[in-house]
């Protein structure tokens, strides 16, 4: 295609040089635009002249203008960029730095920045320094108010900061990062991370920039200029886990838990089945919360007070009445603790099997229930297990079953549907402010008569009896294999398949030495070696298809 762009004449070059020379400080946006046009003409003409003289690859010139009264240097590039730098005299012993570029940084803002540097109000730092300062601030928050900013929250935030470091050049100066730069980083995060992770990391970026804006960026916060819905408009919003199960699966799970290697695993999981507690609340349970050590009938999860977080999700006190089987579990734990003293933690009820000096891990509960449940225990849309709550999907399944089972039992026992709904919400501590806004201040029926505790006890008792009755019926029946057993069988089958495929490859080759060369070489256009393809089911299918073709 013919180039229709008109070549630059010498007269235009001379005029551009004159415009460049005549444009002097102080600069307005009009002056800056004139300089941008002039530098492009000058640079392109001088390169054309150099080519005629036989000089190849002559670099494009970058020219500078100065505002001495504002300690400012403007660098103009042939591509139309205008970059602002500070320009302090050497006698002031202030390091000159890049301030930013048009259009994100205007000439007026650049002048303000050099003034704040001169007054010592701006500290220039790279991202590595900013992230370290932020992490130290998180640690200080935890040390000053551990009940408001717990150790678990500290770990979570630090993990997100660690993940963010992978997407930034940590040597980049903090003040030079624009909203556009952040959007490009966020686009990479959206492409690489899960939907929920992308949303969390975007929120973390905003926290870091909000923390550092005043001390390190003169109050400017480019993260705040990004649309609030930048990520949520581009990814699916995480949905609650939709896994659920039935009474038969819960009964088989109860029986299978008897085979766990540790009493803490068995009892922690069974206690959660009976109560519908969240996995985080089981490890929190303390002996001091019981109304009696020898014959407990009630355990009270503390509410939040000024400066101290509550143990439940809604931060309100929760009184859990103990049924006969719940009490049996608690007393079993007490007997174990008495026999293990002093080599165990004497504060928490459920402890880690490998280190009884520590409280039970909430992550372990999900794995225990997943492994010991029947392989087909999960009902509904199994694909949605990977959505929000997937870290505790099987624990959520138990909580969901408690809600479903108790609601059915209450209705079957003559309760009105709405009353059944209210009682199950009461038992699960699903309280809303809209239910009774002034109830917290005026309703003292629980303190005087234990009204809600009595109602909850009936709900828990019905739930417990239904499970134990089905457990008794299953004692003489053959149970379904557990998810762990099915996975083990699958692993064994995969190993046998891999071994058989490797033997087939050896048999198809002329000599043994060729095997090593064959499995290590890239295979076709897959981008992977034969050795890597053998490790996956789809990869093995590709190799088997190839072997079938060459055998014909």
Protein backbone atom coordinates (compact mmCIF):
# COMPACT_ATOMS: atom_id res chain seq x y z
CA UNK A 1 0.00 0.00 0.00
CA UNK A 2 1.36 3.40 -0.96
CA UNK A 3 2.39 5.64 1.94
CA UNK A 4 0.17 8.74 1.74
CA UNK A 5 1.89 10.52 4.64
CA UNK A 6 3.42 13.78 3.42
CA UNK A 7 7.20 13.94 4.03
CA UNK A 8 8.50 16.64 6.37
CA UNK A 9 10.15 19.53 4.54
CA UNK A 10 13.20 21.48 5.63
CA UNK A 11 11.05 24.59 6.05
CA UNK A 12 8.78 22.72 8.51
CA UNK A 13 11.87 21.50 10.33
CA UNK A 14 13.27 25.04 10.68
CA UNK A 15 9.88 26.33 11.86
CA UNK A 16 9.61 23.53 14.44
CA UNK A 17 13.11 24.33 15.75
CA UNK A 18 12.09 27.97 16.11
CA UNK A 19 8.89 27.05 17.97
CA UNK A 20 10.86 24.79 20.30
CA UNK A 21 13.40 27.54 21.03
CA UNK A 22 10.78 30.26 21.55
CA UNK A 23 8.64 28.23 23.98
CA UNK A 24 9.84 29.15 27.44
CA UNK A 25 8.69 28.64 31.04
CA UNK A 26 6.28 28.90 32.72
CA UNK A 27 4.50 26.29 30.59
CA UNK A 28 0.81 26.04 29.90
CA UNK A 29 -0.94 23.06 28.33
CA UNK A 30 -0.97 24.98 25.01
CA UNK A 31 2.82 25.41 25.17
CA UNK A 32 3.25 21.73 25.97
CA UNK A 33 1.15 20.69 22.94
CA UNK A 34 3.28 22.95 20.71
CA UNK A 35 6.45 21.33 22.05
CA UNK A 36 5.07 17.82 21.48
CA UNK A 37 4.35 18.63 17.82
CA UNK A 38 7.75 20.30 17.38
CA UNK A 39 9.77 17.41 18.83
CA UNK A 40 8.03 14.93 16.52
CA UNK A 41 8.86 17.02 13.42
CA UNK A 42 12.46 17.61 14.56
CA UNK A 43 13.15 13.99 15.39
CA UNK A 44 11.65 12.53 12.22
CA UNK A 45 13.42 15.02 9.92
CA UNK A 46 16.84 14.45 11.55
CA UNK A 47 16.42 10.67 11.24
CA UNK A 48 15.56 11.05 7.52
CA UNK A 49 18.69 13.16 6.99
CA UNK A 50 20.79 10.58 8.84
CA UNK A 51 19.49 7.80 6.59
CA UNK A 52 20.47 9.78 3.47
CA UNK A 53 23.97 10.12 4.94
CA UNK A 54 24.16 6.34 5.42
CA UNK A 55 23.68 6.41 9.19
CA UNK A 56 21.30 3.62 10.18
CA UNK A 57 19.43 3.14 13.47
CA UNK A 58 19.93 6.74 14.58
CA UNK A 59 18.10 7.01 17.94
CA UNK A 60 15.14 9.36 18.12
CA UNK A 61 16.00 12.47 20.08
CA UNK A 62 14.44 13.32 23.46
CA UNK A 63 14.50 17.00 24.35
CA UNK A 64 13.91 18.68 27.70
CA UNK A 65 12.42 21.93 28.92
CA UNK A 66 12.93 23.35 32.41
CA UNK A 67 10.93 25.38 34.93
CA UNK A 68 13.67 26.44 37.29
CA UNK A 69 11.29 28.35 39.57
CA UNK A 70 9.36 25.11 40.19
CA UNK A 71 12.37 22.73 40.14
CA UNK A 72 10.75 20.93 37.25
CA UNK A 73 12.05 19.21 34.13
CA UNK A 74 9.78 18.21 31.23
CA UNK A 75 11.06 15.48 28.88
CA UNK A 76 9.42 15.31 25.41
CA UNK A 77 9.72 12.10 23.39
CA UNK A 78 9.21 11.70 19.61
CA UNK A 79 6.24 9.41 20.32
CA UNK A 80 4.33 12.23 21.99
CA UNK A 81 5.00 11.40 25.62
CA UNK A 82 5.59 14.14 28.18
CA UNK A 83 7.38 12.94 31.32
CA UNK A 84 7.81 15.09 34.43
CA UNK A 85 10.96 14.89 36.57
CA UNK A 86 12.04 16.90 39.58
CA UNK A 87 15.07 19.12 38.93
CA UNK A 88 16.56 20.32 42.20
CA UNK A 89 19.98 22.01 42.31
CA UNK A 90 22.79 19.74 43.57
CA UNK A 91 23.44 22.01 46.53
CA UNK A 92 20.04 21.08 48.00
CA UNK A 93 21.13 17.39 48.04
CA UNK A 94 17.65 16.20 47.04
CA UNK A 95 17.55 13.18 44.73
CA UNK A 96 15.74 13.93 41.49
CA UNK A 97 13.03 11.45 40.58
CA UNK A 98 10.38 10.77 37.95
CA UNK A 99 7.07 12.33 38.99
CA UNK A 100 4.74 10.94 36.33
CA UNK A 101 3.42 11.43 32.79
CA UNK A 102 0.69 13.27 30.96
CA UNK A 103 -2.29 12.96 31.04
CA UNK A 104 -2.33 11.25 34.47
CA UNK A 105 -0.11 14.01 35.91
CA UNK A 106 -0.78 17.61 34.90
CA UNK A 107 1.73 20.44 34.97
CA UNK A 108 -0.05 21.97 37.97
CA UNK A 109 0.10 18.71 39.94
CA UNK A 110 3.76 18.27 39.02
CA UNK A 111 4.54 21.69 40.48
CA UNK A 112 2.70 20.75 43.69
CA UNK A 113 4.75 17.55 43.95
CA UNK A 114 8.11 19.30 43.63
CA UNK A 115 6.99 21.76 46.30
CA UNK A 116 6.04 18.99 48.73
CA UNK A 117 9.38 17.28 48.07
CA UNK A 118 11.17 20.54 48.80
CA UNK A 119 9.24 20.88 52.07
CA UNK A 120 10.05 17.28 53.02
CA UNK A 121 6.42 16.17 53.01
CA UNK A 122 6.75 13.43 50.36
CA UNK A 123 8.77 10.25 50.81
CA UNK A 124 9.67 8.51 47.56
CA UNK A 125 9.74 4.74 47.79
CA UNK A 126 9.46 1.65 45.59
CA UNK A 127 6.67 -0.90 45.79
CA UNK A 128 8.80 -3.25 47.86
CA UNK A 129 9.00 -0.61 50.61
CA UNK A 130 5.26 0.10 50.41
CA UNK A 131 4.30 -3.57 50.71
CA UNK A 132 6.66 -4.04 53.66
CA UNK A 133 5.21 -1.00 55.41
CA UNK A 134 1.69 -2.30 54.82
CA UNK A 135 2.52 -5.75 56.18
CA UNK A 136 4.13 -4.20 59.24
CA UNK A 137 0.98 -2.12 59.73
CA UNK A 138 -1.10 -5.33 59.63
CA UNK A 139 1.16 -6.92 62.24
CA UNK A 140 0.89 -3.86 64.47
CA UNK A 141 -2.91 -3.94 64.20
CA UNK A 142 -2.92 -7.54 65.36
CA UNK A 143 -0.52 -6.88 68.24
CA UNK A 144 -2.49 -3.86 69.45
CA UNK A 145 -5.95 -5.43 69.12
CA UNK A 146 -5.67 -9.22 68.63
CA UNK A 147 -9.35 -9.71 69.42
CA UNK A 148 -10.43 -7.23 66.71
CA UNK A 149 -7.85 -8.23 64.08
CA UNK A 150 -7.26 -11.91 64.73
CA UNK A 151 -4.24 -14.03 63.78
CA UNK A 152 -6.33 -15.76 61.11
CA UNK A 153 -7.18 -12.43 59.49
CA UNK A 154 -3.52 -11.41 59.62
CA UNK A 155 -2.50 -14.61 57.80
CA UNK A 156 -5.22 -14.11 55.18
CA UNK A 157 -4.20 -10.53 54.41
CA UNK A 158 -0.51 -11.42 54.22
CA UNK A 159 -1.27 -14.29 51.83
CA UNK A 160 -3.09 -11.87 49.54
CA UNK A 161 -0.17 -9.40 49.69
CA UNK A 162 2.22 -12.25 48.80
CA UNK A 163 0.03 -13.17 45.84
CA UNK A 164 -0.08 -9.54 44.63
CA UNK A 165 3.72 -9.31 44.62
CA UNK A 166 3.75 -11.76 41.71
CA UNK A 167 1.96 -9.23 39.50
CA UNK A 168 4.05 -6.13 40.26
CA UNK A 169 7.63 -5.13 39.55
CA UNK A 170 8.60 -4.47 43.16
CA UNK A 171 11.35 -2.04 42.14
CA UNK A 172 8.81 0.31 40.52
CA UNK A 173 8.46 3.67 42.24
CA UNK A 174 5.11 3.88 44.01
CA UNK A 175 4.37 7.45 42.93
CA UNK A 176 4.82 6.59 39.23
CA UNK A 177 1.99 4.04 39.15
CA UNK A 178 -1.15 5.34 37.51
CA UNK A 179 -4.76 4.11 37.47
CA UNK A 180 -4.08 2.77 33.97
CA UNK A 181 -1.12 0.74 35.26
CA UNK A 182 -3.30 -0.75 38.00
CA UNK A 183 -6.04 -1.64 35.52
CA UNK A 184 -3.51 -3.54 33.39
CA UNK A 185 -2.37 -5.45 36.49
CA UNK A 186 -5.98 -6.21 37.44
CA UNK A 187 -6.66 -7.50 33.91
CA UNK A 188 -3.80 -9.99 34.36
CA UNK A 189 -5.21 -11.05 37.74
CA UNK A 190 -8.66 -11.63 36.21
CA UNK A 191 -7.12 -13.78 33.47
CA UNK A 192 -4.98 -15.83 35.86
CA UNK A 193 -6.93 -16.19 39.11
CA UNK A 194 -10.32 -17.59 40.11
CA UNK A 195 -13.29 -15.21 40.16
CA UNK A 196 -13.37 -14.95 43.94
CA UNK A 197 -9.59 -14.49 44.15
CA UNK A 198 -9.71 -11.68 41.57
CA UNK A 199 -12.36 -9.85 43.60
CA UNK A 200 -10.36 -10.27 46.81
CA UNK A 201 -7.06 -9.14 45.25
CA UNK A 202 -8.71 -6.05 43.75
CA UNK A 203 -10.01 -5.15 47.21
CA UNK A 204 -6.52 -5.75 48.63
CA UNK A 205 -4.94 -3.39 46.07
CA UNK A 206 -7.36 -0.68 47.19
CA UNK A 207 -6.49 -1.26 50.85
CA UNK A 208 -2.75 -0.95 50.17
CA UNK A 209 -3.08 2.24 48.11
CA UNK A 210 -5.45 3.79 50.62
CA UNK A 211 -2.95 3.00 53.40
CA UNK A 212 0.00 4.51 51.53
CA UNK A 213 -1.52 7.50 49.72
CA UNK A 214 -0.94 10.17 52.39
CA UNK A 215 2.53 9.16 53.51
CA UNK A 216 3.97 8.18 50.15
CA UNK A 217 1.88 9.79 47.40
CA UNK A 218 0.82 13.25 48.58
CA UNK A 219 -2.76 12.09 49.12
CA UNK A 220 -3.21 10.82 45.56
CA UNK A 221 -4.86 7.43 45.24
CA UNK A 222 -5.05 6.09 41.65
CA UNK A 223 -6.73 2.88 42.92
CA UNK A 224 -9.73 5.00 43.94
CA UNK A 225 -10.06 6.22 40.33
CA UNK A 226 -10.81 2.68 39.14
CA UNK A 227 -14.49 1.81 38.79
CA UNK A 228 -15.85 0.02 41.86
CA UNK A 229 -17.30 -2.66 39.58
CA UNK A 230 -14.21 -3.07 37.39
CA UNK A 231 -13.69 -6.69 38.48
CA UNK A 232 -17.23 -7.72 39.41
CA UNK A 233 -18.47 -6.63 35.95
CA UNK A 234 -15.92 -8.95 34.34
CA UNK A 235 -16.27 -12.09 36.46
CA UNK A 236 -19.15 -14.10 37.85
CA UNK A 237 -20.04 -13.20 41.41
CA UNK A 238 -19.28 -16.13 43.76
CA UNK A 239 -22.41 -17.96 44.82
CA UNK A 240 -22.95 -19.85 48.08
CA UNK A 241 -22.08 -23.53 47.99
CA UNK A 242 -25.11 -25.56 46.89
CA UNK A 243 -23.94 -28.98 48.12
CA UNK A 244 -26.46 -30.93 50.20
CA UNK A 245 -26.99 -34.51 51.32
CA UNK A 246 -29.60 -36.85 52.81
CA UNK A 247 -30.23 -38.72 56.05
CA UNK A 248 -28.83 -42.05 54.80
CA UNK A 249 -25.50 -40.43 53.86
CA UNK A 250 -25.28 -38.66 57.21
CA UNK A 251 -25.98 -41.94 59.04
CA UNK A 252 -23.27 -43.75 57.06
CA UNK A 253 -20.86 -40.87 57.68
CA UNK A 254 -21.58 -41.15 61.41
CA UNK A 255 -20.74 -44.87 61.35
CA UNK A 256 -17.62 -44.38 59.20
CA UNK A 257 -16.26 -41.74 61.59
CA UNK A 258 -15.76 -44.49 64.18
CA UNK A 259 -12.79 -45.67 62.08
CA UNK A 260 -10.89 -42.36 62.24
CA UNK A 261 -7.41 -42.73 63.76
CA UNK A 262 -8.02 -40.11 66.48
CA UNK A 263 -10.84 -39.43 68.94
CA UNK A 264 -10.66 -35.69 68.20
CA UNK A 265 -11.40 -36.26 64.51
CA UNK A 266 -14.37 -38.51 65.24
CA UNK A 267 -15.89 -36.32 67.94
CA UNK A 268 -15.30 -32.95 66.23
CA UNK A 269 -17.02 -34.12 63.03
CA UNK A 270 -19.89 -35.80 64.90
CA UNK A 271 -20.44 -32.71 67.06
CA UNK A 272 -20.73 -30.61 63.91
CA UNK A 273 -23.24 -33.05 62.41
CA UNK A 274 -25.43 -32.81 65.52
CA UNK A 275 -25.24 -29.03 65.93
CA UNK A 276 -24.87 -27.62 62.40
CA UNK A 277 -22.06 -25.36 63.68
CA UNK A 278 -19.72 -23.74 61.19
CA UNK A 279 -16.28 -25.38 60.90
CA UNK A 280 -14.62 -22.32 62.45
CA UNK A 281 -16.73 -22.62 65.63
CA UNK A 282 -15.80 -26.22 66.46
CA UNK A 283 -12.06 -25.52 67.09
CA UNK A 284 -12.99 -22.41 69.13
CA UNK A 285 -14.92 -24.32 71.79
CA UNK A 286 -13.37 -23.91 75.24
CA UNK A 287 -13.91 -25.78 78.51
CA UNK A 288 -14.60 -22.46 80.23
CA UNK A 289 -17.72 -21.97 78.10
CA UNK A 290 -19.47 -25.01 79.61
CA UNK A 291 -21.89 -24.50 82.48
CA UNK A 292 -20.51 -27.67 84.13
CA UNK A 293 -17.46 -29.85 83.62
CA UNK A 294 -18.93 -33.01 85.13
CA UNK A 295 -22.44 -32.83 83.60
CA UNK A 296 -22.63 -30.04 81.00
CA UNK A 297 -26.04 -29.05 79.65
CA UNK A 298 -25.13 -25.74 78.00
CA UNK A 299 -22.20 -24.18 76.14
CA UNK A 300 -22.19 -20.41 75.57
CA UNK A 301 -20.33 -18.82 72.65
CA UNK A 302 -19.44 -15.25 73.77
CA UNK A 303 -20.79 -12.17 72.03
CA UNK A 304 -18.72 -9.23 70.85
CA UNK A 305 -18.03 -6.38 73.25
CA UNK A 306 -16.09 -3.14 72.77
CA UNK A 307 -12.64 -4.11 71.51
CA UNK A 308 -13.34 -7.85 71.52
CA UNK A 309 -14.79 -9.88 68.65
CA UNK A 310 -17.49 -12.45 69.29
CA UNK A 311 -17.04 -16.08 68.32
CA UNK A 312 -20.12 -16.39 66.12
CA UNK A 313 -20.40 -14.91 62.62
CA UNK A 314 -23.05 -12.35 63.64
CA UNK A 315 -21.04 -11.40 66.76
CA UNK A 316 -23.99 -12.17 69.07
CA UNK A 317 -23.99 -14.55 72.04
CA UNK A 318 -25.10 -18.08 71.18
CA UNK A 319 -26.30 -20.55 73.80
CA UNK A 320 -26.15 -24.13 72.61
CA UNK A 321 -28.15 -26.60 74.73
CA UNK A 322 -26.43 -29.98 74.89
CA UNK A 323 -28.40 -33.13 74.09
CA UNK A 324 -27.49 -36.55 75.45
CA UNK A 325 -25.15 -37.47 72.57
CA UNK A 326 -23.53 -34.01 72.53
CA UNK A 327 -22.82 -34.39 76.25
CA UNK A 328 -21.37 -37.87 75.66
CA UNK A 329 -18.96 -36.40 73.10
CA UNK A 330 -17.90 -33.61 75.48
CA UNK A 331 -17.34 -36.07 78.35
CA UNK A 332 -15.28 -38.36 76.08
CA UNK A 333 -13.09 -35.38 75.24
CA UNK A 334 -12.79 -34.54 78.95
CA UNK A 335 -11.74 -38.08 79.83
CA UNK A 336 -9.11 -38.01 77.08
CA UNK A 337 -7.76 -34.67 78.31
CA UNK A 338 -7.52 -35.88 81.93
CA UNK A 339 -5.50 -38.90 80.82
CA UNK A 340 -3.22 -36.84 78.53
CA UNK A 341 -2.32 -34.10 81.04
CA UNK A 342 -0.01 -32.19 81.04
CA UNK A 343 0.94 -33.04 77.44
CA UNK A 344 -2.08 -31.38 75.86
CA UNK A 345 -3.81 -28.05 75.56
CA UNK A 346 -6.20 -27.63 78.48
CA UNK A 347 -8.11 -24.63 77.09
CA UNK A 348 -9.82 -26.03 73.99
CA UNK A 349 -12.14 -29.03 73.81
CA UNK A 350 -11.03 -30.40 70.41
CA UNK A 351 -7.29 -30.64 69.70
CA UNK A 352 -5.03 -31.43 66.76
CA UNK A 353 -4.25 -35.16 66.44
CA UNK A 354 -0.57 -34.58 65.59
CA UNK A 355 -0.01 -31.78 68.07
CA UNK A 356 -2.43 -31.90 71.03
CA UNK A 357 -0.93 -28.66 72.34
CA UNK A 358 -2.86 -26.84 69.58
CA UNK A 359 -6.58 -26.47 68.96
CA UNK A 360 -8.25 -28.49 66.21
CA UNK A 361 -7.85 -27.18 62.64
CA UNK A 362 -11.04 -26.00 60.91
CA UNK A 363 -9.63 -27.16 57.53
CA UNK A 364 -9.35 -30.72 58.84
CA UNK A 365 -13.10 -30.94 59.37
CA UNK A 366 -13.86 -30.52 55.68
CA UNK A 367 -11.34 -33.21 54.69
CA UNK A 368 -12.61 -35.65 57.33
CA UNK A 369 -16.23 -35.30 56.22
CA UNK A 370 -15.22 -35.47 52.55
CA UNK A 371 -13.15 -38.63 53.02
CA UNK A 372 -15.53 -40.52 55.32
CA UNK A 373 -18.80 -39.65 53.56
CA UNK A 374 -20.20 -42.19 51.05
CA UNK A 375 -18.75 -41.52 47.60
CA UNK A 376 -22.15 -40.35 46.26
CA UNK A 377 -23.24 -38.40 49.35
CA UNK A 378 -23.24 -35.01 47.61
CA UNK A 379 -26.54 -34.09 45.99
CA UNK A 380 -27.60 -31.23 43.74
CA UNK A 381 -25.37 -29.27 41.38
CA UNK A 382 -21.96 -30.71 42.22
CA UNK A 383 -20.24 -28.18 39.92
CA UNK A 384 -21.19 -25.37 42.31
CA UNK A 385 -19.02 -26.85 45.07
CA UNK A 386 -16.14 -24.91 43.47
CA UNK A 387 -17.97 -21.65 44.12
CA UNK A 388 -17.95 -19.56 47.29
CA UNK A 389 -17.48 -21.73 50.36
CA UNK A 390 -15.62 -24.47 48.49
CA UNK A 391 -12.95 -24.57 51.22
CA UNK A 392 -15.64 -25.86 53.58
CA UNK A 393 -18.14 -27.26 51.08
CA UNK A 394 -18.69 -30.54 52.91
CA UNK A 395 -19.06 -28.75 56.23
CA UNK A 396 -21.65 -26.51 54.57
CA UNK A 397 -23.36 -29.69 53.39
CA UNK A 398 -23.75 -30.80 57.03
CA UNK A 399 -25.11 -27.41 58.05
CA UNK A 400 -27.54 -27.50 55.16
CA UNK A 401 -28.71 -30.97 56.20
CA UNK A 402 -29.35 -29.77 59.76
CA UNK A 403 -31.60 -27.01 58.39
CA UNK A 404 -33.46 -29.32 56.00
CA UNK A 405 -33.83 -32.25 58.39
CA UNK A 406 -35.03 -30.26 61.41
CA UNK A 407 -37.50 -28.28 59.33
CA UNK A 408 -39.05 -31.50 58.00
CA UNK A 409 -39.15 -33.06 61.48
CA UNK A 410 -40.84 -30.02 62.99
CA UNK A 411 -43.49 -29.86 60.28
CA UNK A 412 -44.08 -33.62 60.65
CA UNK A 413 -44.58 -33.08 64.39
CA UNK A 414 -47.39 -30.56 63.82
CA UNK A 415 -45.52 -27.25 63.73
CA UNK A 416 -46.73 -24.58 61.33
CA UNK A 417 -44.33 -24.06 58.38
CA UNK A 418 -43.42 -20.52 59.49
CA UNK A 419 -42.84 -21.65 63.07
CA UNK A 420 -40.60 -24.46 61.81
CA UNK A 421 -38.65 -21.94 59.75
CA UNK A 422 -38.21 -19.61 62.74
CA UNK A 423 -37.07 -22.43 65.03
CA UNK A 424 -34.47 -23.74 62.58
CA UNK A 425 -33.11 -20.22 62.14
CA UNK A 426 -32.98 -19.83 65.92
CA UNK A 427 -31.08 -23.11 66.28
CA UNK A 428 -28.56 -22.17 63.54
CA UNK A 429 -28.18 -18.65 64.96
CA UNK A 430 -29.39 -17.09 61.70
CA UNK A 431 -30.54 -13.81 63.24
CA UNK A 432 -31.28 -10.56 61.42
CA UNK A 433 -31.60 -7.03 62.80
CA UNK A 434 -34.92 -6.63 60.97
CA UNK A 435 -36.49 -9.52 62.93
CA UNK A 436 -36.79 -7.58 66.19
CA UNK A 437 -34.78 -4.32 66.22
CA UNK A 438 -35.43 -3.63 69.91
CA UNK A 439 -35.41 -7.25 71.07
CA UNK A 440 -31.83 -7.07 72.24
CA UNK A 441 -32.73 -4.22 74.60
CA UNK A 442 -36.17 -5.30 75.85
CA UNK A 443 -36.45 -9.06 75.48
CA UNK A 444 -34.91 -10.69 78.59
CA UNK A 445 -36.89 -13.94 78.36
CA UNK A 446 -33.70 -15.88 77.81
CA UNK A 447 -32.03 -14.41 80.89
CA UNK A 448 -35.13 -14.97 83.07
CA UNK A 449 -36.51 -18.24 81.76
CA UNK A 450 -34.10 -19.67 79.17
CA UNK A 451 -36.91 -19.56 76.61
CA UNK A 452 -34.89 -19.76 73.39
CA UNK A 453 -32.59 -22.42 74.88
CA UNK A 454 -35.58 -24.65 75.62
CA UNK A 455 -36.91 -24.21 72.09
CA UNK A 456 -33.51 -24.93 70.55
CA UNK A 457 -33.10 -28.04 72.73
CA UNK A 458 -36.26 -29.53 71.20
CA UNK A 459 -34.93 -28.88 67.70
CA UNK A 460 -31.53 -30.46 68.44
CA UNK A 461 -33.13 -33.44 70.15
CA UNK A 462 -35.37 -34.21 67.16
CA UNK A 463 -32.37 -33.94 64.84
CA UNK A 464 -30.20 -36.21 67.00
CA UNK A 465 -32.88 -38.89 67.44
CA UNK A 466 -33.51 -39.08 63.68
CA UNK A 467 -29.80 -39.57 62.93
CA UNK A 468 -29.17 -42.15 65.67
CA UNK A 469 -32.28 -44.08 64.68
CA UNK A 470 -31.05 -44.38 61.10
CA UNK A 471 -27.55 -45.26 62.35
CA UNK A 472 -29.05 -48.13 64.34
CA UNK A 473 -30.91 -49.38 61.25
CA UNK A 474 -27.70 -49.33 59.20
CA UNK A 475 -25.58 -51.28 61.71
CA UNK A 476 -26.43 -54.64 60.07
CA UNK A 477 -26.34 -53.39 56.46
CA UNK A 478 -23.46 -53.19 53.99
CA UNK A 479 -22.39 -49.58 53.63
CA UNK A 480 -21.41 -47.78 50.46
CA UNK A 481 -17.68 -47.23 49.89
CA UNK A 482 -16.40 -43.90 51.15
CA UNK A 483 -15.12 -41.11 48.90
CA UNK A 484 -11.60 -41.86 50.17
CA UNK A 485 -11.88 -45.54 49.19
CA UNK A 486 -13.21 -44.66 45.73
CA UNK A 487 -10.36 -42.19 45.19
CA UNK A 488 -7.80 -44.79 46.29
CA UNK A 489 -9.23 -47.27 43.78
CA UNK A 490 -9.06 -44.61 41.09
CA UNK A 491 -5.40 -43.88 41.93
CA UNK A 492 -4.54 -47.59 41.72
CA UNK A 493 -6.35 -47.88 38.38
CA UNK A 494 -4.50 -44.80 37.04
CA UNK A 495 -1.14 -46.26 38.10
CA UNK A 496 -1.94 -49.52 36.32
CA UNK A 497 -3.00 -47.61 33.19
CA UNK A 498 0.25 -45.58 33.21
CA UNK A 499 2.35 -48.70 33.69
CA UNK A 500 0.57 -50.53 30.86
CA UNK A 501 1.03 -47.56 28.51
CA UNK A 502 4.75 -47.31 29.29
CA UNK A 503 5.14 -51.02 28.56
CA UNK A 504 3.27 -50.61 25.28
CA UNK A 505 5.59 -47.75 24.28
CA UNK A 506 8.66 -49.91 25.02
CA UNK A 507 7.22 -52.79 23.01
CA UNK A 508 6.63 -50.54 19.99
CA UNK A 509 10.23 -49.25 19.89
CA UNK A 510 13.15 -51.00 18.16
CA UNK A 511 15.67 -50.83 21.03
CA UNK A 512 15.54 -49.90 24.72
CA UNK A 513 17.64 -46.76 24.42
CA UNK A 514 15.01 -45.17 22.22
CA UNK A 515 12.47 -45.20 25.09
CA UNK A 516 14.21 -42.50 27.12
CA UNK A 517 14.55 -40.28 24.07
CA UNK A 518 10.91 -40.83 23.05
CA UNK A 519 9.26 -40.01 26.40
CA UNK A 520 11.37 -36.86 26.92
CA UNK A 521 10.78 -35.29 23.51
CA UNK A 522 7.93 -32.83 22.78
CA UNK A 523 4.95 -34.64 21.33
CA UNK A 524 3.32 -33.11 18.25
CA UNK A 525 1.83 -29.68 18.81
CA UNK A 526 0.74 -30.37 22.40
CA UNK A 527 3.63 -28.38 23.86
CA UNK A 528 4.28 -31.21 26.32
CA UNK A 529 6.61 -34.18 26.44
CA UNK A 530 5.32 -37.77 26.25
CA UNK A 531 6.33 -38.20 29.90
CA UNK A 532 4.03 -35.33 30.91
CA UNK A 533 1.12 -36.55 28.75
CA UNK A 534 1.22 -39.98 30.39
CA UNK A 535 0.35 -38.37 33.74
CA UNK A 536 -3.17 -37.28 32.63
CA UNK A 537 -6.12 -39.25 31.29
CA UNK A 538 -6.51 -37.02 28.21
CA UNK A 539 -2.76 -37.18 27.56
CA UNK A 540 -2.78 -40.97 27.69
CA UNK A 541 -5.63 -41.00 25.15
CA UNK A 542 -3.47 -38.92 22.76
CA UNK A 543 -0.50 -41.30 23.11
CA UNK A 544 -2.67 -44.41 22.68
CA UNK A 545 -4.21 -42.94 19.52
CA UNK A 546 -0.70 -42.34 18.15
CA UNK A 547 0.39 -45.90 18.96
CA UNK A 548 -2.75 -47.28 17.28
CA UNK A 549 -1.94 -45.32 14.11
CA UNK A 550 1.67 -46.51 13.84
CA UNK A 551 0.63 -50.09 14.54
CA UNK A 552 -1.61 -50.18 11.46
